[in-house]
Amino acid sequence: MSAALIVVEFNQFSFIPEMSNTVEMALTRALNRAADRGRTRAARAAREQIAFPASYVSPSSKRLWVKTRARKGAFTTIIEGRGSPTSLARFSRQTVLQAGARHTGGKVNVMVKPGQRKSISRAFLLRLRNNNVGLAVRTNGAAPAGAYKPKSIGKNLWLLYGPSVDQALSAASVNSGIFEDMTPEMLDFLEDEFNRQLELLDNG
């Protein structure tokens, strides 16, 4: 499950002269720098829509990253965003329920949309078997009303989730694709960066 992808074909670049080893190297470097720049902008756009922690959409998290980098003979870069729902625990600063303790009632505050804090009744944070933290809610049996893809983890107990990274990216664009909006800017940067790299190589 992934966000929209950019795949740019080599013959789209009218600014590329006849291919040579130097041109190939300059193009490879320029494509990879453009991809890194695009990923950073996409992360910023996602966090403007959804209150993801900065670390959640960092390159090392593999939730929004340059999946494919350009190399000699393969002039393609791909930016990918994860499509899996995000645990609502990511959007709360409250403490985790201690092992062995049983929740009897209360509320958990979450902020999914930047600046919009909400409370969830009969909810608590707990440590999961994979050592991640989840946000759970108790019900009278049925799945919690209005919850996004709740997961049953016990009798009357449900884990709650929020939007995925790719949903945040879609929300950041009028045309349901931040990558489509980014393409003209990325191509402008790519041309400038290609010319810069080519000059460095020619003068090196």
C-alpha atoms as a PDB file:
ATOM      1  CA  MET A   1       0.000   0.000   0.000  1.00  0.00           C
ATOM      2  CA  SER A   2       1.762   3.100  -1.241  1.00  0.00           C
ATOM      3  CA  ALA A   3       1.257   6.716  -2.148  1.00  0.00           C
ATOM      4  CA  ALA A   4       1.421   8.034  -5.697  1.00  0.00           C
ATOM      5  CA  LEU A   5       4.774   7.610  -7.385  1.00  0.00           C
ATOM      6  CA  ILE A   6       6.818   9.738  -9.778  1.00  0.00           C
ATOM      7  CA  VAL A   7       8.487   7.889 -12.619  1.00  0.00           C
ATOM      8  CA  VAL A   8      10.252  10.254 -15.025  1.00  0.00           C
ATOM      9  CA  GLU A   9      11.363   8.867 -18.386  1.00  0.00           C
ATOM     10  CA  PHE A  10      14.764   9.899 -19.707  1.00  0.00           C
ATOM     11  CA  ASN A  11      13.408  11.202 -23.034  1.00  0.00           C
ATOM     12  CA  GLN A  12      11.316  13.806 -21.207  1.00  0.00           C
ATOM     13  CA  PHE A  13      14.399  15.886 -20.468  1.00  0.00           C
ATOM     14  CA  SER A  14      14.840  18.256 -23.385  1.00  0.00           C
ATOM     15  CA  PHE A  15      17.779  19.900 -21.622  1.00  0.00           C
ATOM     16  CA  ILE A  16      19.919  16.741 -21.801  1.00  0.00           C
ATOM     17  CA  PRO A  17      22.618  16.875 -24.501  1.00  0.00           C
ATOM     18  CA  GLU A  18      24.007  13.809 -26.246  1.00  0.00           C
ATOM     19  CA  MET A  19      24.691  11.082 -23.681  1.00  0.00           C
ATOM     20  CA  SER A  20      28.244  10.577 -22.417  1.00  0.00           C
ATOM     21  CA  ASN A  21      29.810   9.262 -19.220  1.00  0.00           C
ATOM     22  CA  THR A  22      29.947  12.789 -17.828  1.00  0.00           C
ATOM     23  CA  VAL A  23      26.327  13.495 -18.730  1.00  0.00           C
ATOM     24  CA  GLU A  24      25.226  10.176 -17.196  1.00  0.00           C
ATOM     25  CA  MET A  25      26.972  11.009 -13.926  1.00  0.00           C
ATOM     26  CA  ALA A  26      25.570  14.536 -13.824  1.00  0.00           C
ATOM     27  CA  LEU A  27      22.050  13.271 -14.542  1.00  0.00           C
ATOM     28  CA  THR A  28      22.277  10.556 -11.890  1.00  0.00           C
ATOM     29  CA  ARG A  29      23.419  13.029  -9.237  1.00  0.00           C
ATOM     30  CA  ALA A  30      20.772  15.576 -10.239  1.00  0.00           C
ATOM     31  CA  LEU A  31      17.954  13.025 -10.149  1.00  0.00           C
ATOM     32  CA  ASN A  32      18.904  11.827  -6.680  1.00  0.00           C
ATOM     33  CA  ARG A  33      19.204  15.359  -5.293  1.00  0.00           C
ATOM     34  CA  ALA A  34      15.825  16.242  -6.794  1.00  0.00           C
ATOM     35  CA  ALA A  35      14.282  13.141  -5.228  1.00  0.00           C
ATOM     36  CA  ASP A  36      15.670  14.003  -1.784  1.00  0.00           C
ATOM     37  CA  ARG A  37      14.355  17.543  -2.131  1.00  0.00           C
ATOM     38  CA  GLY A  38      10.950  16.263  -3.237  1.00  0.00           C
ATOM     39  CA  ARG A  39      10.756  13.848  -0.332  1.00  0.00           C
ATOM     40  CA  THR A  40      11.467  16.658   2.137  1.00  0.00           C
ATOM     41  CA  ARG A  41       8.749  18.805   0.643  1.00  0.00           C
ATOM     42  CA  ALA A  42       6.302  15.895   0.688  1.00  0.00           C
ATOM     43  CA  ALA A  43       7.025  15.275   4.386  1.00  0.00           C
ATOM     44  CA  ARG A  44       6.365  18.940   5.146  1.00  0.00           C
ATOM     45  CA  ALA A  45       3.084  18.829   3.206  1.00  0.00           C
ATOM     46  CA  ALA A  46       1.986  15.650   5.025  1.00  0.00           C
ATOM     47  CA  ARG A  47       2.663  17.216   8.433  1.00  0.00           C
ATOM     48  CA  GLU A  48       0.646  20.290   7.487  1.00  0.00           C
ATOM     49  CA  GLN A  49      -2.354  17.980   7.022  1.00  0.00           C
ATOM     50  CA  ILE A  50      -1.772  15.442   9.797  1.00  0.00           C
ATOM     51  CA  ALA A  51       0.138  15.973  13.060  1.00  0.00           C
ATOM     52  CA  PHE A  52       2.740  13.278  12.413  1.00  0.00           C
ATOM     53  CA  PRO A  53       5.855  13.539  14.601  1.00  0.00           C
ATOM     54  CA  ALA A  54       8.774  14.664  12.428  1.00  0.00           C
ATOM     55  CA  SER A  55      10.560  11.364  13.068  1.00  0.00           C
ATOM     56  CA  TYR A  56       7.534   9.442  11.753  1.00  0.00           C
ATOM     57  CA  VAL A  57       8.087  10.726   8.204  1.00  0.00           C
ATOM     58  CA  SER A  58      11.889  10.890   8.288  1.00  0.00           C
ATOM     59  CA  PRO A  59      13.786   9.007   5.533  1.00  0.00           C
ATOM     60  CA  SER A  60      14.995   6.352   7.983  1.00  0.00           C
ATOM     61  CA  SER A  61      11.428   5.501   9.045  1.00  0.00           C
ATOM     62  CA  LYS A  62      10.657   4.077   5.577  1.00  0.00           C
ATOM     63  CA  ARG A  63       7.177   5.596   5.759  1.00  0.00           C
ATOM     64  CA  LEU A  64       8.021   8.353   3.291  1.00  0.00           C
ATOM     65  CA  TRP A  65      11.313   7.797   1.514  1.00  0.00           C
ATOM     66  CA  VAL A  66      13.149   7.629  -1.780  1.00  0.00           C
ATOM     67  CA  LYS A  67      12.533   3.987  -2.558  1.00  0.00           C
ATOM     68  CA  THR A  68      14.464   3.898  -5.833  1.00  0.00           C
ATOM     69  CA  ARG A  69      17.533   6.023  -6.542  1.00  0.00           C
ATOM     70  CA  ALA A  70      18.936   6.742  -9.982  1.00  0.00           C
ATOM     71  CA  ARG A  71      22.066   4.957 -11.097  1.00  0.00           C
ATOM     72  CA  LYS A  72      24.070   4.686 -14.298  1.00  0.00           C
ATOM     73  CA  GLY A  73      21.833   3.300 -17.006  1.00  0.00           C
ATOM     74  CA  ALA A  74      18.667   3.528 -14.845  1.00  0.00           C
ATOM     75  CA  PHE A  75      17.578   7.140 -14.675  1.00  0.00           C
ATOM     76  CA  THR A  76      14.534   6.749 -12.453  1.00  0.00           C
ATOM     77  CA  THR A  77      13.770   7.849  -8.919  1.00  0.00           C
ATOM     78  CA  ILE A  78      10.703   6.829  -6.948  1.00  0.00           C
ATOM     79  CA  ILE A  79       9.349   8.489  -3.803  1.00  0.00           C
ATOM     80  CA  GLU A  80       7.000   6.247  -1.863  1.00  0.00           C
ATOM     81  CA  GLY A  81       4.674   6.841   1.071  1.00  0.00           C
ATOM     82  CA  ARG A  82       3.343   4.055   3.255  1.00  0.00           C
ATOM     83  CA  GLY A  83      -0.340   3.242   2.945  1.00  0.00           C
ATOM     84  CA  SER A  84      -0.808   1.473   6.297  1.00  0.00           C
ATOM     85  CA  PRO A  85      -3.017   3.247   8.873  1.00  0.00           C
ATOM     86  CA  THR A  86      -1.163   5.092  11.637  1.00  0.00           C
ATOM     87  CA  SER A  87      -1.727   4.081  15.258  1.00  0.00           C
ATOM     88  CA  LEU A  88      -3.646   6.811  17.092  1.00  0.00           C
ATOM     89  CA  ALA A  89      -1.079   6.432  19.869  1.00  0.00           C
ATOM     90  CA  ARG A  90       1.268   8.434  17.614  1.00  0.00           C
ATOM     91  CA  PHE A  91      -0.972  11.445  18.148  1.00  0.00           C
ATOM     92  CA  SER A  92      -1.074  11.400  21.949  1.00  0.00           C
ATOM     93  CA  ARG A  93       1.446  12.500  24.562  1.00  0.00           C
ATOM     94  CA  GLN A  94      -0.131  10.607  27.434  1.00  0.00           C
ATOM     95  CA  THR A  95       1.614   7.773  29.283  1.00  0.00           C
ATOM     96  CA  VAL A  96       1.346   4.062  28.609  1.00  0.00           C
ATOM     97  CA  LEU A  97      -0.740   1.843  30.898  1.00  0.00           C
ATOM     98  CA  GLN A  98       1.574  -0.157  33.182  1.00  0.00           C
ATOM     99  CA  ALA A  99       1.890  -3.897  32.617  1.00  0.00           C
ATOM    100  CA  GLY A 100      -0.734  -5.827  34.585  1.00  0.00           C
ATOM    101  CA  ALA A 101      -2.909  -2.781  35.175  1.00  0.00           C
ATOM    102  CA  ARG A 102      -6.509  -2.796  33.983  1.00  0.00           C
ATOM    103  CA  HIS A 103      -8.100   0.320  32.584  1.00  0.00           C
ATOM    104  CA  THR A 104     -11.416   1.168  34.184  1.00  0.00           C
ATOM    105  CA  GLY A 105     -12.259   4.472  32.505  1.00  0.00           C
ATOM    106  CA  GLY A 106     -10.927   7.806  31.443  1.00  0.00           C
ATOM    107  CA  LYS A 107      -9.964   9.734  28.362  1.00  0.00           C
ATOM    108  CA  VAL A 108      -7.029   9.982  26.001  1.00  0.00           C
ATOM    109  CA  ASN A 109      -6.324  13.251  24.232  1.00  0.00           C
ATOM    110  CA  VAL A 110      -5.149  13.063  20.633  1.00  0.00           C
ATOM    111  CA  MET A 111      -4.270  15.658  18.006  1.00  0.00           C
ATOM    112  CA  VAL A 112      -4.587  14.212  14.507  1.00  0.00           C
ATOM    113  CA  LYS A 113      -5.180  17.491  12.683  1.00  0.00           C
ATOM    114  CA  PRO A 114      -2.612  20.151  13.649  1.00  0.00           C
ATOM    115  CA  GLY A 115      -4.073  22.421  16.326  1.00  0.00           C
ATOM    116  CA  GLN A 116      -7.233  20.318  16.827  1.00  0.00           C
ATOM    117  CA  ARG A 117      -7.105  18.295  20.039  1.00  0.00           C
ATOM    118  CA  LYS A 118      -9.863  15.751  20.762  1.00  0.00           C
ATOM    119  CA  SER A 119     -10.654  13.411  23.654  1.00  0.00           C
ATOM    120  CA  ILE A 120     -11.527   9.734  23.339  1.00  0.00           C
ATOM    121  CA  SER A 121     -13.556   8.273  26.210  1.00  0.00           C
ATOM    122  CA  ARG A 122     -12.874   4.829  27.709  1.00  0.00           C
ATOM    123  CA  ALA A 123      -9.472   4.832  26.006  1.00  0.00           C
ATOM    124  CA  PHE A 124      -5.905   4.195  27.149  1.00  0.00           C
ATOM    125  CA  LEU A 125      -2.411   3.594  25.792  1.00  0.00           C
ATOM    126  CA  LEU A 126      -0.851   0.160  26.126  1.00  0.00           C
ATOM    127  CA  ARG A 127       2.359  -1.604  25.231  1.00  0.00           C
ATOM    128  CA  LEU A 128       1.823  -4.147  22.452  1.00  0.00           C
ATOM    129  CA  ARG A 129       3.609  -7.475  22.013  1.00  0.00           C
ATOM    130  CA  ASN A 130       5.887  -6.011  19.323  1.00  0.00           C
ATOM    131  CA  ASN A 131       6.885  -3.322  21.854  1.00  0.00           C
ATOM    132  CA  ASN A 132       5.004  -0.638  19.935  1.00  0.00           C
ATOM    133  CA  VAL A 133       2.431   1.506  21.708  1.00  0.00           C
ATOM    134  CA  GLY A 134      -1.251   1.296  20.779  1.00  0.00           C
ATOM    135  CA  LEU A 135      -4.317   3.301  21.667  1.00  0.00           C
ATOM    136  CA  ALA A 136      -7.166   1.044  22.764  1.00  0.00           C
ATOM    137  CA  VAL A 137     -10.785   1.736  23.614  1.00  0.00           C
ATOM    138  CA  ARG A 138     -13.347  -0.373  25.459  1.00  0.00           C
ATOM    139  CA  THR A 139     -16.838  -0.735  24.047  1.00  0.00           C
ATOM    140  CA  ASN A 140     -19.944  -2.687  24.897  1.00  0.00           C
ATOM    141  CA  GLY A 141     -19.021  -5.203  22.223  1.00  0.00           C
ATOM    142  CA  ALA A 142     -19.484  -3.530  18.867  1.00  0.00           C
ATOM    143  CA  ALA A 143     -16.702  -1.796  16.968  1.00  0.00           C
ATOM    144  CA  PRO A 144     -16.346   1.830  18.077  1.00  0.00           C
ATOM    145  CA  ALA A 145     -18.641   4.051  16.014  1.00  0.00           C
ATOM    146  CA  GLY A 146     -16.887   6.256  13.502  1.00  0.00           C
ATOM    147  CA  ALA A 147     -13.483   4.675  14.080  1.00  0.00           C
ATOM    148  CA  TYR A 148     -11.152   4.215  11.114  1.00  0.00           C
ATOM    149  CA  LYS A 149     -10.280   0.526  10.629  1.00  0.00           C
ATOM    150  CA  PRO A 150     -10.434  -0.480  14.333  1.00  0.00           C
ATOM    151  CA  LYS A 151      -8.797  -3.807  15.194  1.00  0.00           C
ATOM    152  CA  SER A 152     -10.210  -6.151  17.803  1.00  0.00           C
ATOM    153  CA  ILE A 153      -7.575  -7.305  20.320  1.00  0.00           C
ATOM    154  CA  GLY A 154      -9.805  -8.832  22.987  1.00  0.00           C
ATOM    155  CA  LYS A 155     -13.304  -8.902  24.398  1.00  0.00           C
ATOM    156  CA  ASN A 156     -14.819  -5.433  23.915  1.00  0.00           C
ATOM    157  CA  LEU A 157     -11.335  -4.036  23.281  1.00  0.00           C
ATOM    158  CA  TRP A 158     -10.255  -2.310  20.063  1.00  0.00           C
ATOM    159  CA  LEU A 159      -7.077  -0.691  18.749  1.00  0.00           C
ATOM    160  CA  LEU A 160      -7.678   2.631  17.011  1.00  0.00           C
ATOM    161  CA  TYR A 161      -5.935   4.040  13.943  1.00  0.00           C
ATOM    162  CA  GLY A 162      -5.646   7.304  12.046  1.00  0.00           C
ATOM    163  CA  PRO A 163      -4.738   8.324   8.493  1.00  0.00           C
ATOM    164  CA  SER A 164      -1.800   6.829   6.632  1.00  0.00           C
ATOM    165  CA  VAL A 165       1.036   8.853   5.145  1.00  0.00           C
ATOM    166  CA  ASP A 166      -0.338   8.521   1.620  1.00  0.00           C
ATOM    167  CA  GLN A 167      -3.756   9.773   2.774  1.00  0.00           C
ATOM    168  CA  ALA A 168      -2.068  12.852   4.216  1.00  0.00           C
ATOM    169  CA  LEU A 169      -0.284  13.434   0.920  1.00  0.00           C
ATOM    170  CA  SER A 170      -3.527  13.101  -1.027  1.00  0.00           C
ATOM    171  CA  ALA A 171      -5.220  15.578   1.308  1.00  0.00           C
ATOM    172  CA  ALA A 172      -2.386  18.034   0.689  1.00  0.00           C
ATOM    173  CA  SER A 173      -3.273  18.289  -2.998  1.00  0.00           C
ATOM    174  CA  VAL A 174      -6.380  19.593  -4.731  1.00  0.00           C
ATOM    175  CA  ASN A 175      -5.911  16.893  -7.367  1.00  0.00           C
ATOM    176  CA  SER A 176      -5.416  14.124  -4.787  1.00  0.00           C
ATOM    177  CA  GLY A 177      -1.698  13.773  -5.357  1.00  0.00           C
ATOM    178  CA  ILE A 178       0.987  16.005  -3.873  1.00  0.00           C
ATOM    179  CA  PHE A 179       3.489  14.351  -6.214  1.00  0.00           C
ATOM    180  CA  GLU A 180       1.589  15.644  -9.244  1.00  0.00           C
ATOM    181  CA  ASP A 181       1.724  19.164  -7.808  1.00  0.00           C
ATOM    182  CA  MET A 182       5.432  18.831  -7.121  1.00  0.00           C
ATOM    183  CA  THR A 183       6.436  17.665 -10.589  1.00  0.00           C
ATOM    184  CA  PRO A 184       6.881  21.065 -12.345  1.00  0.00           C
ATOM    185  CA  GLU A 185       8.973  22.400  -9.449  1.00  0.00           C
ATOM    186  CA  MET A 186      11.029  19.226  -9.295  1.00  0.00           C
ATOM    187  CA  LEU A 187      11.739  19.318 -13.024  1.00  0.00           C
ATOM    188  CA  ASP A 188      12.868  22.948 -12.793  1.00  0.00           C
ATOM    189  CA  PHE A 189      15.180  22.036  -9.924  1.00  0.00           C
ATOM    190  CA  LEU A 190      16.393  18.966 -11.818  1.00  0.00           C
ATOM    191  CA  GLU A 191      17.419  21.041 -14.841  1.00  0.00           C
ATOM    192  CA  ASP A 192      19.286  23.564 -12.693  1.00  0.00           C
ATOM    193  CA  GLU A 193      20.969  20.827 -10.683  1.00  0.00           C
ATOM    194  CA  PHE A 194      21.934  18.878 -13.800  1.00  0.00           C
ATOM    195  CA  ASN A 195      23.615  21.961 -15.275  1.00  0.00           C
ATOM    196  CA  ARG A 196      25.391  22.593 -11.962  1.00  0.00           C
ATOM    197  CA  GLN A 197      26.652  19.020 -11.711  1.00  0.00           C
ATOM    198  CA  LEU A 198      27.732  19.032 -15.348  1.00  0.00           C
ATOM    199  CA  GLU A 199      29.738  22.214 -14.789  1.00  0.00           C
ATOM    200  CA  LEU A 200      31.392  20.722 -11.693  1.00  0.00           C
ATOM    201  CA  LEU A 201      32.370  17.598 -13.610  1.00  0.00           C
ATOM    202  CA  ASP A 202      33.641  19.527 -16.621  1.00  0.00           C
ATOM    203  CA  ASN A 203      35.739  21.766 -14.384  1.00  0.00           C
ATOM    204  CA  GLY A 204      36.933  18.965 -12.137  1.00  0.00           C
END
